[in-house]
């Protein structure tokens, strides 16, 4: 047989030696060519499906860099519990990949936003209200006595514990306001109050009334 193999090569050997002539478990790795070993050790594409993987069977060390692409992750297949702290860096998030629908209410805190990371381009028109940028907001009622022409009245608005010294104060009447009354608002050296003033620029007396105002305190 050795002579036939020598003369005929592998084709002749294939005809002379079949599976019936080889006992079970009699071949070892050293009996196979390197190519045959590589083919047997390789995992065919698509041979491992979800049904063959136990829960938590694939860990981070088992994944090669760049092995999981967008098309490999099903919609809604990853939750916050699947992501380790700081596992998603800036380089992992494509431009415009995260929209409003991907962020739950209060999902991003101040500690998650780096300095200067948000500018006008990231904020949609009308997306911010006064409450989003002011340190303090609220309302107050100001009762003004009758004001003759050229007369002024001063009021004080108390904000206990606010620490507003040096801040910007914005006020706006929320109820009807006489057109001849000119109002101003400004902070003082006080941490807990600001001053409002109304002056009659008309010729007639403005009758006494109470007015509702909105206010906002912006950090100085």
N, C-alpha and C. Protein backbone atom coordinates (compact mmCIF):
# COMPACT_ATOMS: atom_id res chain seq x y z
N UNK A 1 0.83 -1.20 0.00
CA UNK A 1 0.00 0.00 0.00
C UNK A 1 0.87 1.25 0.00
N UNK A 2 2.03 1.14 0.72
CA UNK A 2 2.92 2.29 0.76
C UNK A 2 3.43 2.61 -0.64
N UNK A 3 3.67 1.57 -1.46
CA UNK A 3 4.13 1.79 -2.82
C UNK A 3 3.06 2.50 -3.64
N UNK A 4 1.80 2.05 -3.51
CA UNK A 4 0.72 2.70 -4.25
C UNK A 4 0.56 4.17 -3.84
N UNK A 5 0.69 4.43 -2.53
CA UNK A 5 0.57 5.82 -2.05
C UNK A 5 1.69 6.66 -2.62
N UNK A 6 2.91 6.10 -2.61
CA UNK A 6 4.05 6.85 -3.13
C UNK A 6 3.87 7.15 -4.60
N UNK A 7 3.32 6.19 -5.36
CA UNK A 7 3.15 6.40 -6.80
C UNK A 7 1.93 7.26 -7.12
N UNK A 8 0.85 7.09 -6.37
CA UNK A 8 -0.40 7.77 -6.71
C UNK A 8 -0.65 9.04 -5.95
N UNK A 9 0.06 9.29 -4.82
CA UNK A 9 -0.13 10.50 -4.04
C UNK A 9 -1.41 10.46 -3.23
N UNK A 10 -1.87 11.60 -2.76
CA UNK A 10 -3.05 11.68 -1.89
C UNK A 10 -4.30 11.10 -2.53
N UNK A 11 -4.47 11.25 -3.85
CA UNK A 11 -5.67 10.72 -4.50
C UNK A 11 -5.73 9.21 -4.37
N UNK A 12 -4.57 8.55 -4.57
CA UNK A 12 -4.52 7.09 -4.44
C UNK A 12 -4.77 6.67 -3.00
N UNK A 13 -4.23 7.49 -2.03
CA UNK A 13 -4.43 7.16 -0.62
C UNK A 13 -5.90 7.28 -0.25
N UNK A 14 -6.58 8.26 -0.82
CA UNK A 14 -8.01 8.46 -0.52
C UNK A 14 -8.82 7.27 -0.97
N UNK A 15 -8.43 6.65 -2.11
CA UNK A 15 -9.17 5.49 -2.62
C UNK A 15 -8.90 4.26 -1.76
N UNK A 16 -7.66 4.14 -1.20
CA UNK A 16 -7.29 2.95 -0.44
C UNK A 16 -7.73 3.01 1.01
N UNK A 17 -7.74 4.25 1.61
CA UNK A 17 -8.04 4.40 3.04
C UNK A 17 -9.36 5.14 3.18
N UNK A 18 -10.40 4.50 3.68
CA UNK A 18 -11.68 5.14 3.94
C UNK A 18 -11.95 5.21 5.42
N UNK A 19 -13.11 5.75 5.78
CA UNK A 19 -13.44 5.91 7.20
C UNK A 19 -13.56 4.57 7.91
N UNK A 20 -13.87 3.49 7.16
CA UNK A 20 -14.01 2.17 7.79
C UNK A 20 -12.67 1.61 8.26
N UNK A 21 -11.57 2.09 7.63
CA UNK A 21 -10.26 1.58 8.01
C UNK A 21 -9.66 2.35 9.20
N UNK A 22 -10.36 3.42 9.69
CA UNK A 22 -9.84 4.22 10.80
C UNK A 22 -10.72 4.00 12.01
N UNK A 23 -10.11 3.57 13.09
CA UNK A 23 -10.87 3.32 14.30
C UNK A 23 -11.28 4.64 14.95
N UNK A 24 -12.41 4.62 15.66
CA UNK A 24 -12.88 5.81 16.36
C UNK A 24 -11.83 6.25 17.38
N UNK A 25 -11.57 7.56 17.40
CA UNK A 25 -10.66 8.20 18.35
C UNK A 25 -9.20 7.74 18.18
N UNK A 26 -8.87 7.19 17.02
CA UNK A 26 -7.49 6.76 16.81
C UNK A 26 -6.62 7.86 16.23
N UNK A 27 -7.24 8.95 15.66
CA UNK A 27 -6.47 10.06 15.10
C UNK A 27 -6.26 11.14 16.14
N UNK A 28 -5.07 11.72 16.16
CA UNK A 28 -4.74 12.82 17.05
C UNK A 28 -4.43 14.07 16.23
N UNK A 29 -4.27 15.18 16.93
CA UNK A 29 -4.02 16.44 16.23
C UNK A 29 -2.77 16.37 15.38
N UNK A 30 -1.74 15.67 15.88
CA UNK A 30 -0.48 15.62 15.12
C UNK A 30 -0.61 14.83 13.82
N UNK A 31 -1.69 14.02 13.71
CA UNK A 31 -1.90 13.26 12.49
C UNK A 31 -2.54 14.10 11.38
N UNK A 32 -3.00 15.31 11.71
CA UNK A 32 -3.68 16.17 10.74
C UNK A 32 -2.76 17.29 10.28
N UNK A 33 -3.00 17.76 9.10
CA UNK A 33 -2.22 18.88 8.59
C UNK A 33 -2.60 20.15 9.34
N UNK A 34 -1.73 21.16 9.31
CA UNK A 34 -2.02 22.43 9.98
C UNK A 34 -3.28 23.08 9.40
N UNK A 35 -3.47 22.95 8.12
CA UNK A 35 -4.66 23.53 7.49
C UNK A 35 -5.93 22.86 8.00
N UNK A 36 -5.85 21.52 8.15
CA UNK A 36 -7.03 20.80 8.64
C UNK A 36 -7.34 21.20 10.08
N UNK A 37 -6.29 21.38 10.90
CA UNK A 37 -6.50 21.78 12.29
C UNK A 37 -7.14 23.17 12.35
N UNK A 38 -6.66 24.10 11.51
CA UNK A 38 -7.23 25.45 11.52
C UNK A 38 -8.69 25.43 11.13
N UNK A 39 -9.03 24.63 10.13
CA UNK A 39 -10.42 24.56 9.68
C UNK A 39 -11.33 23.96 10.73
N UNK A 40 -10.82 22.95 11.45
CA UNK A 40 -11.64 22.33 12.50
C UNK A 40 -11.80 23.24 13.71
N UNK A 41 -10.76 24.05 14.00
CA UNK A 41 -10.82 24.92 15.17
C UNK A 41 -11.62 26.20 14.91
N UNK A 42 -11.78 26.57 13.65
CA UNK A 42 -12.49 27.82 13.32
C UNK A 42 -13.99 27.67 13.57
N UNK A 43 -14.61 28.79 13.93
CA UNK A 43 -16.06 28.82 14.14
C UNK A 43 -16.72 29.39 12.89
N UNK A 44 -17.51 28.59 12.18
CA UNK A 44 -18.14 29.09 10.95
C UNK A 44 -19.03 30.30 11.23
N UNK A 45 -19.08 31.22 10.29
CA UNK A 45 -19.94 32.39 10.43
C UNK A 45 -21.40 31.97 10.60
N UNK A 46 -22.05 32.57 11.56
CA UNK A 46 -23.46 32.29 11.78
C UNK A 46 -23.76 31.00 12.51
N UNK A 47 -22.70 30.30 12.99
CA UNK A 47 -22.95 29.01 13.65
C UNK A 47 -23.40 29.16 15.09
N UNK A 48 -23.16 30.34 15.71
CA UNK A 48 -23.58 30.57 17.09
C UNK A 48 -24.68 31.62 17.10
N UNK A 49 -25.86 31.19 17.45
CA UNK A 49 -27.00 32.09 17.53
C UNK A 49 -27.33 32.43 18.97
N UNK A 50 -28.33 33.28 19.14
CA UNK A 50 -28.71 33.70 20.48
C UNK A 50 -29.13 32.53 21.35
N UNK A 51 -29.75 31.50 20.75
CA UNK A 51 -30.21 30.34 21.53
C UNK A 51 -29.06 29.53 22.11
N UNK A 52 -27.83 29.68 21.54
CA UNK A 52 -26.68 28.90 22.01
C UNK A 52 -25.87 29.63 23.07
N UNK A 53 -26.26 30.87 23.38
CA UNK A 53 -25.52 31.65 24.36
C UNK A 53 -26.31 31.74 25.66
N UNK A 54 -25.67 31.39 26.76
CA UNK A 54 -26.31 31.52 28.07
C UNK A 54 -26.31 32.98 28.48
N UNK A 55 -27.22 33.39 29.37
CA UNK A 55 -27.21 34.76 29.86
C UNK A 55 -25.86 35.14 30.44
N UNK A 56 -25.37 36.32 30.07
CA UNK A 56 -24.08 36.84 30.55
C UNK A 56 -22.90 36.00 30.10
N UNK A 57 -23.06 35.20 29.02
CA UNK A 57 -21.97 34.34 28.56
C UNK A 57 -20.88 35.13 27.84
N UNK A 58 -21.25 36.26 27.21
CA UNK A 58 -20.28 37.07 26.48
C UNK A 58 -19.94 38.28 27.34
N UNK A 59 -18.72 38.35 27.81
CA UNK A 59 -18.26 39.46 28.65
C UNK A 59 -17.38 40.40 27.85
N UNK A 60 -16.99 41.49 28.46
CA UNK A 60 -16.17 42.49 27.77
C UNK A 60 -14.86 41.91 27.23
N UNK A 61 -14.10 41.10 28.00
CA UNK A 61 -12.85 40.55 27.46
C UNK A 61 -13.04 39.66 26.24
N UNK A 62 -14.25 39.12 26.04
CA UNK A 62 -14.50 38.23 24.90
C UNK A 62 -14.77 38.99 23.61
N UNK A 63 -14.90 40.30 23.68
CA UNK A 63 -15.20 41.10 22.50
C UNK A 63 -13.96 41.83 22.02
N UNK A 64 -13.62 41.65 20.77
CA UNK A 64 -12.48 42.36 20.20
C UNK A 64 -12.87 43.82 19.95
N UNK A 65 -11.90 44.74 20.00
CA UNK A 65 -12.22 46.15 19.71
C UNK A 65 -12.89 46.29 18.35
N UNK A 66 -13.99 47.01 18.32
CA UNK A 66 -14.69 47.23 17.06
C UNK A 66 -15.49 46.06 16.56
N UNK A 67 -15.67 45.02 17.39
CA UNK A 67 -16.38 43.83 16.92
C UNK A 67 -17.89 43.98 16.95
N UNK A 68 -18.40 44.90 17.75
CA UNK A 68 -19.84 45.13 17.84
C UNK A 68 -20.16 46.44 17.15
N UNK A 69 -20.84 46.38 16.02
CA UNK A 69 -21.19 47.57 15.25
C UNK A 69 -22.66 47.90 15.43
N UNK A 70 -23.05 49.04 14.89
CA UNK A 70 -24.44 49.48 15.03
C UNK A 70 -25.42 48.43 14.53
N UNK A 71 -25.11 47.79 13.40
CA UNK A 71 -26.02 46.79 12.85
C UNK A 71 -26.10 45.52 13.66
N UNK A 72 -25.15 45.33 14.61
CA UNK A 72 -25.15 44.12 15.43
C UNK A 72 -25.96 44.27 16.71
N UNK A 73 -26.40 45.48 17.01
CA UNK A 73 -27.15 45.73 18.24
C UNK A 73 -28.60 46.02 17.87
N UNK A 74 -29.52 45.18 18.34
CA UNK A 74 -30.93 45.36 18.03
C UNK A 74 -31.52 46.56 18.75
N UNK A 75 -32.58 47.12 18.19
CA UNK A 75 -33.26 48.24 18.83
C UNK A 75 -33.72 47.85 20.22
N UNK A 76 -33.45 48.73 21.18
CA UNK A 76 -33.87 48.54 22.58
C UNK A 76 -33.26 47.31 23.25
N UNK A 77 -32.15 46.78 22.67
CA UNK A 77 -31.53 45.59 23.27
C UNK A 77 -30.59 45.95 24.42
N UNK A 78 -30.12 47.19 24.48
CA UNK A 78 -29.24 47.63 25.56
C UNK A 78 -29.99 48.59 26.47
N UNK A 79 -29.87 48.38 27.77
CA UNK A 79 -30.45 49.28 28.75
C UNK A 79 -29.34 49.89 29.58
N UNK A 80 -29.70 50.80 30.47
CA UNK A 80 -28.70 51.44 31.33
C UNK A 80 -27.96 50.41 32.18
N UNK A 81 -28.65 49.30 32.56
CA UNK A 81 -28.01 48.27 33.38
C UNK A 81 -26.93 47.51 32.63
N UNK A 82 -26.97 47.55 31.28
CA UNK A 82 -25.96 46.84 30.47
C UNK A 82 -24.69 47.66 30.27
N UNK A 83 -24.71 48.92 30.62
CA UNK A 83 -23.56 49.80 30.39
C UNK A 83 -22.86 50.08 31.71
N UNK A 84 -21.56 49.80 31.75
CA UNK A 84 -20.78 50.11 32.94
C UNK A 84 -20.56 51.61 33.05
N UNK A 85 -20.26 52.08 34.25
CA UNK A 85 -19.99 53.50 34.45
C UNK A 85 -18.83 53.95 33.56
N UNK A 86 -19.04 55.06 32.88
CA UNK A 86 -18.02 55.65 32.00
C UNK A 86 -17.63 54.75 30.84
N UNK A 87 -18.48 53.76 30.47
CA UNK A 87 -18.15 52.85 29.37
C UNK A 87 -18.37 53.48 28.01
N UNK A 88 -19.20 54.50 27.92
CA UNK A 88 -19.45 55.19 26.65
C UNK A 88 -18.76 56.54 26.68
N UNK A 89 -17.73 56.67 25.88
CA UNK A 89 -16.96 57.92 25.82
C UNK A 89 -17.43 58.75 24.64
N UNK A 90 -16.87 59.95 24.52
CA UNK A 90 -17.24 60.85 23.43
C UNK A 90 -17.04 60.21 22.07
N UNK A 91 -15.97 59.41 21.92
CA UNK A 91 -15.66 58.80 20.63
C UNK A 91 -16.66 57.73 20.23
N UNK A 92 -17.41 57.19 21.22
CA UNK A 92 -18.40 56.15 20.91
C UNK A 92 -19.75 56.72 20.47
N UNK A 93 -19.91 58.01 20.59
CA UNK A 93 -21.19 58.64 20.25
C UNK A 93 -21.01 59.46 18.97
N UNK A 94 -21.70 59.05 17.90
CA UNK A 94 -21.59 59.76 16.62
C UNK A 94 -22.31 61.10 16.70
N UNK A 95 -21.96 62.00 15.80
CA UNK A 95 -22.63 63.30 15.74
C UNK A 95 -24.13 63.10 15.53
N UNK A 96 -24.91 63.81 16.33
CA UNK A 96 -26.38 63.77 16.23
C UNK A 96 -26.97 62.39 16.54
N UNK A 97 -26.18 61.50 17.20
CA UNK A 97 -26.68 60.16 17.49
C UNK A 97 -27.67 60.15 18.64
N UNK A 98 -27.60 61.10 19.54
CA UNK A 98 -28.49 61.16 20.69
C UNK A 98 -29.44 62.35 20.52
N UNK A 99 -30.72 62.03 20.36
CA UNK A 99 -31.73 63.08 20.22
C UNK A 99 -32.54 63.23 21.49
N UNK A 100 -33.54 64.09 21.43
CA UNK A 100 -34.36 64.33 22.61
C UNK A 100 -35.07 63.07 23.08
N UNK A 101 -35.49 62.21 22.12
CA UNK A 101 -36.23 61.01 22.51
C UNK A 101 -35.35 60.00 23.24
N UNK A 102 -34.01 60.11 23.11
CA UNK A 102 -33.12 59.17 23.80
C UNK A 102 -32.77 59.62 25.22
N UNK A 103 -33.20 60.79 25.62
CA UNK A 103 -32.87 61.30 26.95
C UNK A 103 -34.14 61.41 27.77
N UNK A 104 -34.22 60.66 28.86
CA UNK A 104 -35.40 60.73 29.71
C UNK A 104 -35.36 62.01 30.55
N UNK A 105 -36.50 62.35 31.14
CA UNK A 105 -36.57 63.53 31.99
C UNK A 105 -35.55 63.43 33.12
N UNK A 106 -34.78 64.51 33.30
CA UNK A 106 -33.75 64.56 34.34
C UNK A 106 -32.67 63.50 34.14
N UNK A 107 -32.52 63.00 32.89
CA UNK A 107 -31.53 61.96 32.64
C UNK A 107 -30.10 62.48 32.59
N UNK A 108 -29.91 63.76 32.34
CA UNK A 108 -28.56 64.35 32.30
C UNK A 108 -28.45 65.39 33.40
N UNK A 109 -27.56 65.14 34.35
CA UNK A 109 -27.35 66.08 35.44
C UNK A 109 -26.17 67.00 35.12
N UNK A 110 -25.99 68.02 35.94
CA UNK A 110 -24.91 68.97 35.70
C UNK A 110 -23.55 68.30 35.70
N UNK A 111 -23.38 67.24 36.52
CA UNK A 111 -22.08 66.56 36.60
C UNK A 111 -21.74 65.81 35.32
N UNK A 112 -22.75 65.53 34.45
CA UNK A 112 -22.48 64.84 33.18
C UNK A 112 -22.13 65.80 32.04
N UNK A 113 -22.19 67.09 32.29
CA UNK A 113 -21.95 68.08 31.24
C UNK A 113 -20.62 68.78 31.51
N UNK A 114 -19.68 68.63 30.59
CA UNK A 114 -18.38 69.28 30.75
C UNK A 114 -18.50 70.78 30.46
N UNK A 115 -17.56 71.54 31.01
CA UNK A 115 -17.55 72.98 30.77
C UNK A 115 -17.46 73.26 29.27
N UNK A 116 -18.27 74.20 28.81
CA UNK A 116 -18.27 74.66 27.42
C UNK A 116 -18.70 73.57 26.42
N UNK A 117 -19.33 72.47 26.89
CA UNK A 117 -19.74 71.41 25.99
C UNK A 117 -21.07 71.73 25.28
N UNK A 118 -21.82 72.68 25.80
CA UNK A 118 -23.10 73.06 25.20
C UNK A 118 -23.06 74.53 24.84
N UNK A 119 -23.30 74.82 23.56
CA UNK A 119 -23.41 76.21 23.14
C UNK A 119 -24.74 76.39 22.42
N UNK A 120 -24.91 77.52 21.75
CA UNK A 120 -26.18 77.82 21.09
C UNK A 120 -26.58 76.79 20.05
N UNK A 121 -25.61 76.10 19.44
CA UNK A 121 -25.93 75.12 18.41
C UNK A 121 -26.61 73.88 18.95
N UNK A 122 -26.41 73.59 20.26
CA UNK A 122 -27.03 72.40 20.86
C UNK A 122 -28.39 72.68 21.47
N UNK A 123 -28.82 73.92 21.48
CA UNK A 123 -30.10 74.29 22.11
C UNK A 123 -31.08 74.71 21.03
N UNK A 124 -32.22 74.02 20.94
CA UNK A 124 -33.21 74.37 19.94
C UNK A 124 -33.86 75.70 20.32
N UNK A 125 -34.33 76.43 19.31
CA UNK A 125 -34.98 77.70 19.56
C UNK A 125 -36.18 77.50 20.47
N UNK A 126 -36.25 78.31 21.49
CA UNK A 126 -37.36 78.20 22.43
C UNK A 126 -37.24 77.05 23.40
N UNK A 127 -36.08 76.37 23.42
CA UNK A 127 -35.94 75.20 24.27
C UNK A 127 -35.70 75.51 25.74
N UNK A 128 -35.25 76.72 26.05
CA UNK A 128 -34.98 77.10 27.43
C UNK A 128 -35.98 78.12 27.91
N UNK A 129 -36.44 77.95 29.12
CA UNK A 129 -37.32 78.94 29.75
C UNK A 129 -36.51 79.74 30.77
N UNK A 130 -37.12 80.77 31.32
CA UNK A 130 -36.44 81.56 32.34
C UNK A 130 -36.04 80.70 33.53
N UNK A 131 -36.88 79.74 33.89
CA UNK A 131 -36.58 78.87 35.02
C UNK A 131 -35.34 78.02 34.80
N UNK A 132 -35.00 77.77 33.50
CA UNK A 132 -33.84 76.93 33.20
C UNK A 132 -32.52 77.66 33.39
N UNK A 133 -32.55 79.00 33.38
CA UNK A 133 -31.30 79.75 33.45
C UNK A 133 -31.20 80.65 34.67
N UNK A 134 -32.31 80.88 35.37
CA UNK A 134 -32.30 81.76 36.53
C UNK A 134 -31.99 80.99 37.80
N UNK A 135 -31.37 81.67 38.76
CA UNK A 135 -31.11 81.06 40.06
C UNK A 135 -32.38 80.99 40.89
N UNK A 136 -33.19 82.01 40.79
CA UNK A 136 -34.45 82.06 41.53
C UNK A 136 -35.53 82.66 40.63
N UNK A 137 -36.71 82.13 40.68
CA UNK A 137 -37.86 82.70 39.98
C UNK A 137 -39.07 82.64 40.90
N UNK A 138 -40.05 83.50 40.62
CA UNK A 138 -41.26 83.48 41.41
C UNK A 138 -42.14 84.67 41.09
N UNK A 139 -43.08 84.94 41.95
CA UNK A 139 -43.99 86.08 41.79
C UNK A 139 -44.08 86.85 43.10
N UNK A 140 -44.48 88.11 43.01
CA UNK A 140 -44.76 88.90 44.20
C UNK A 140 -45.85 89.91 43.86
N UNK A 141 -46.58 90.32 44.87
CA UNK A 141 -47.65 91.31 44.71
C UNK A 141 -47.18 92.64 45.30
N UNK A 142 -47.37 93.71 44.55
CA UNK A 142 -46.91 95.04 44.98
C UNK A 142 -48.13 95.96 45.04
N UNK A 143 -48.43 96.40 46.23
CA UNK A 143 -49.54 97.34 46.43
C UNK A 143 -48.99 98.77 46.39
N UNK A 144 -49.46 99.57 45.45
CA UNK A 144 -48.96 100.93 45.26
C UNK A 144 -50.06 101.93 45.64
N UNK A 145 -49.69 102.89 46.49
CA UNK A 145 -50.62 103.94 46.87
C UNK A 145 -50.85 104.88 45.68
N UNK A 146 -51.87 105.79 45.78
CA UNK A 146 -52.09 106.76 44.69
C UNK A 146 -50.81 107.55 44.38
N UNK A 147 -50.53 107.70 43.08
CA UNK A 147 -49.30 108.38 42.66
C UNK A 147 -49.64 109.63 41.86
N UNK A 148 -49.34 110.82 42.42
CA UNK A 148 -49.50 112.04 41.63
C UNK A 148 -48.47 112.10 40.51
N UNK A 149 -48.64 113.02 39.60
CA UNK A 149 -47.69 113.20 38.49
C UNK A 149 -46.30 113.48 39.04
N UNK A 150 -45.31 112.76 38.55
CA UNK A 150 -43.91 112.94 38.95
C UNK A 150 -43.53 112.26 40.24
N UNK A 151 -44.48 111.64 40.93
CA UNK A 151 -44.17 111.00 42.21
C UNK A 151 -43.71 109.56 41.98
N UNK A 152 -42.97 109.05 42.96
CA UNK A 152 -42.45 107.67 42.88
C UNK A 152 -42.76 106.92 44.17
N UNK A 153 -42.82 105.60 44.07
CA UNK A 153 -42.99 104.74 45.22
C UNK A 153 -41.94 103.63 45.16
N UNK A 154 -41.45 103.27 46.34
CA UNK A 154 -40.42 102.23 46.45
C UNK A 154 -40.97 101.06 47.24
N UNK A 155 -40.66 99.84 46.81
CA UNK A 155 -41.05 98.63 47.52
C UNK A 155 -39.86 97.69 47.66
N UNK A 156 -39.96 96.76 48.61
CA UNK A 156 -38.90 95.79 48.85
C UNK A 156 -39.47 94.38 48.76
N UNK A 157 -38.79 93.52 48.02
CA UNK A 157 -39.23 92.13 47.85
C UNK A 157 -38.27 91.24 48.63
N UNK A 158 -38.81 90.48 49.57
CA UNK A 158 -38.01 89.63 50.44
C UNK A 158 -37.86 88.23 49.85
N UNK A 159 -36.61 87.73 49.82
CA UNK A 159 -36.30 86.37 49.37
C UNK A 159 -35.42 85.71 50.43
N UNK A 160 -35.99 85.24 51.51
CA UNK A 160 -35.19 84.68 52.61
C UNK A 160 -34.26 83.55 52.14
N UNK A 161 -32.99 83.64 52.53
CA UNK A 161 -32.01 82.60 52.22
C UNK A 161 -31.56 82.55 50.77
N UNK A 162 -31.87 83.58 49.95
CA UNK A 162 -31.57 83.51 48.52
C UNK A 162 -30.12 83.85 48.18
N UNK A 163 -29.45 84.69 48.96
CA UNK A 163 -28.07 85.11 48.70
C UNK A 163 -27.95 85.73 47.30
N UNK A 164 -28.61 86.86 47.10
CA UNK A 164 -28.69 87.47 45.78
C UNK A 164 -27.83 88.72 45.63
N UNK A 165 -27.03 89.07 46.60
CA UNK A 165 -26.21 90.28 46.50
C UNK A 165 -25.34 90.23 45.26
N UNK A 166 -25.40 91.29 44.43
CA UNK A 166 -24.60 91.36 43.21
C UNK A 166 -25.20 90.66 42.01
N UNK A 167 -26.36 90.02 42.17
CA UNK A 167 -27.00 89.33 41.04
C UNK A 167 -27.85 90.29 40.21
N UNK A 168 -28.22 89.85 39.01
CA UNK A 168 -29.11 90.61 38.15
C UNK A 168 -30.57 90.29 38.52
N UNK A 169 -31.39 91.32 38.59
CA UNK A 169 -32.79 91.15 38.95
C UNK A 169 -33.66 91.56 37.76
N UNK A 170 -34.53 90.67 37.31
CA UNK A 170 -35.48 90.96 36.25
C UNK A 170 -36.89 90.84 36.81
N UNK A 171 -37.73 91.86 36.52
CA UNK A 171 -39.14 91.79 36.94
C UNK A 171 -40.01 92.17 35.75
N UNK A 172 -41.24 91.66 35.75
CA UNK A 172 -42.18 91.97 34.69
C UNK A 172 -43.59 91.86 35.25
N UNK A 173 -44.45 92.86 35.01
CA UNK A 173 -45.82 92.78 35.53
C UNK A 173 -46.60 91.65 34.86
N UNK A 174 -47.24 90.83 35.69
CA UNK A 174 -48.06 89.75 35.16
C UNK A 174 -49.52 90.17 35.04
N UNK A 175 -49.88 91.30 35.64
CA UNK A 175 -51.24 91.83 35.53
C UNK A 175 -51.19 93.17 34.80
N UNK A 176 -52.36 93.76 34.55
CA UNK A 176 -52.42 95.03 33.82
C UNK A 176 -51.62 96.10 34.55
N UNK A 177 -50.83 96.83 33.79
CA UNK A 177 -49.95 97.84 34.37
C UNK A 177 -50.22 99.18 33.69
N UNK A 178 -50.46 100.25 34.49
CA UNK A 178 -50.76 101.57 33.89
C UNK A 178 -49.62 102.03 32.97
N UNK A 179 -49.98 102.56 31.83
CA UNK A 179 -48.97 102.93 30.83
C UNK A 179 -48.10 104.10 31.29
N UNK A 180 -48.60 104.96 32.21
CA UNK A 180 -47.82 106.10 32.66
C UNK A 180 -46.88 105.77 33.82
N UNK A 181 -46.97 104.56 34.35
CA UNK A 181 -46.07 104.16 35.43
C UNK A 181 -44.81 103.51 34.85
N UNK A 182 -43.67 104.01 35.27
CA UNK A 182 -42.38 103.44 34.86
C UNK A 182 -41.80 102.70 36.07
N UNK A 183 -41.49 101.42 35.88
CA UNK A 183 -40.97 100.64 37.00
C UNK A 183 -39.53 100.23 36.75
N UNK A 184 -38.79 100.09 37.83
CA UNK A 184 -37.40 99.60 37.78
C UNK A 184 -37.22 98.60 38.92
N UNK A 185 -36.20 97.79 38.79
CA UNK A 185 -35.85 96.82 39.84
C UNK A 185 -34.34 96.70 39.89
N UNK A 186 -33.80 96.59 41.07
CA UNK A 186 -32.35 96.42 41.21
C UNK A 186 -32.02 95.76 42.53
N UNK A 187 -30.91 95.06 42.51
CA UNK A 187 -30.42 94.46 43.74
C UNK A 187 -29.68 95.48 44.57
N UNK A 188 -29.41 95.12 45.81
CA UNK A 188 -28.67 95.98 46.72
C UNK A 188 -27.56 95.16 47.35
N UNK A 189 -26.98 95.68 48.40
CA UNK A 189 -25.96 94.91 49.11
C UNK A 189 -26.58 93.80 49.96
N UNK A 190 -27.92 93.78 50.04
CA UNK A 190 -28.60 92.77 50.83
C UNK A 190 -28.58 91.42 50.12
N UNK A 191 -28.44 90.35 50.87
CA UNK A 191 -28.46 89.00 50.32
C UNK A 191 -29.87 88.46 50.15
N UNK A 192 -30.87 89.08 50.79
CA UNK A 192 -32.18 88.46 50.87
C UNK A 192 -33.32 89.34 50.36
N UNK A 193 -33.03 90.47 49.72
CA UNK A 193 -34.11 91.31 49.22
C UNK A 193 -33.63 92.15 48.04
N UNK A 194 -34.57 92.58 47.19
CA UNK A 194 -34.25 93.53 46.14
C UNK A 194 -35.31 94.64 46.13
N UNK A 195 -34.98 95.73 45.45
CA UNK A 195 -35.81 96.94 45.49
C UNK A 195 -36.53 97.14 44.17
N UNK A 196 -37.80 97.54 44.25
CA UNK A 196 -38.58 97.92 43.07
C UNK A 196 -39.05 99.37 43.24
N UNK A 197 -39.22 100.05 42.14
CA UNK A 197 -39.63 101.45 42.19
C UNK A 197 -40.57 101.75 41.03
N UNK A 198 -41.63 102.51 41.31
CA UNK A 198 -42.58 102.92 40.29
C UNK A 198 -42.71 104.44 40.32
N UNK A 199 -42.63 105.08 39.13
CA UNK A 199 -42.75 106.54 39.03
C UNK A 199 -43.82 106.89 38.01
N UNK A 200 -44.63 107.92 38.33
CA UNK A 200 -45.70 108.36 37.44
C UNK A 200 -45.14 109.39 36.47
N UNK A 201 -45.04 109.01 35.21
CA UNK A 201 -44.52 109.93 34.19
C UNK A 201 -45.64 110.70 33.48
N UNK A 202 -46.89 110.44 33.86
CA UNK A 202 -48.02 111.12 33.23
C UNK A 202 -48.40 112.39 33.98
N UNK A 203 -49.53 112.97 33.59
CA UNK A 203 -50.00 114.21 34.22
C UNK A 203 -51.15 113.96 35.19
N UNK A 204 -51.80 112.82 35.11
CA UNK A 204 -52.92 112.50 35.98
C UNK A 204 -52.47 111.60 37.13
N UNK A 205 -53.23 111.62 38.21
CA UNK A 205 -52.95 110.77 39.35
C UNK A 205 -53.29 109.31 38.99
N UNK A 206 -52.35 108.40 39.31
CA UNK A 206 -52.60 106.98 39.11
C UNK A 206 -53.21 106.43 40.39
N UNK A 207 -54.43 105.87 40.35
CA UNK A 207 -55.08 105.41 41.58
C UNK A 207 -54.34 104.23 42.21
N UNK A 208 -54.60 104.03 43.50
CA UNK A 208 -53.98 102.92 44.23
C UNK A 208 -54.45 101.58 43.67
N UNK A 209 -53.55 100.64 43.64
CA UNK A 209 -53.88 99.31 43.14
C UNK A 209 -52.79 98.34 43.55
N UNK A 210 -53.10 97.06 43.47
CA UNK A 210 -52.11 96.01 43.71
C UNK A 210 -51.78 95.32 42.40
N UNK A 211 -50.51 95.01 42.18
CA UNK A 211 -50.07 94.45 40.91
C UNK A 211 -49.26 93.17 41.16
N UNK A 212 -49.49 92.20 40.31
CA UNK A 212 -48.75 90.93 40.37
C UNK A 212 -47.55 91.00 39.43
N UNK A 213 -46.37 90.64 39.94
CA UNK A 213 -45.14 90.67 39.16
C UNK A 213 -44.49 89.29 39.13
N UNK A 214 -43.84 88.99 38.00
CA UNK A 214 -42.92 87.86 37.92
C UNK A 214 -41.51 88.38 38.15
N UNK A 215 -40.66 87.57 38.76
CA UNK A 215 -39.27 87.98 38.94
C UNK A 215 -38.33 86.82 38.64
N UNK A 216 -37.09 87.17 38.27
CA UNK A 216 -36.04 86.18 38.04
C UNK A 216 -34.73 86.76 38.51
N UNK A 217 -33.95 85.94 39.17
CA UNK A 217 -32.64 86.35 39.66
C UNK A 217 -31.58 85.58 38.88
N UNK A 218 -30.71 86.32 38.18
CA UNK A 218 -29.63 85.71 37.39
C UNK A 218 -28.32 85.90 38.11
N UNK A 219 -27.50 84.86 38.13
CA UNK A 219 -26.21 84.94 38.81
C UNK A 219 -25.33 86.03 38.24
N UNK A 220 -24.66 86.76 39.10
CA UNK A 220 -23.82 87.86 38.67
C UNK A 220 -22.47 87.39 38.15
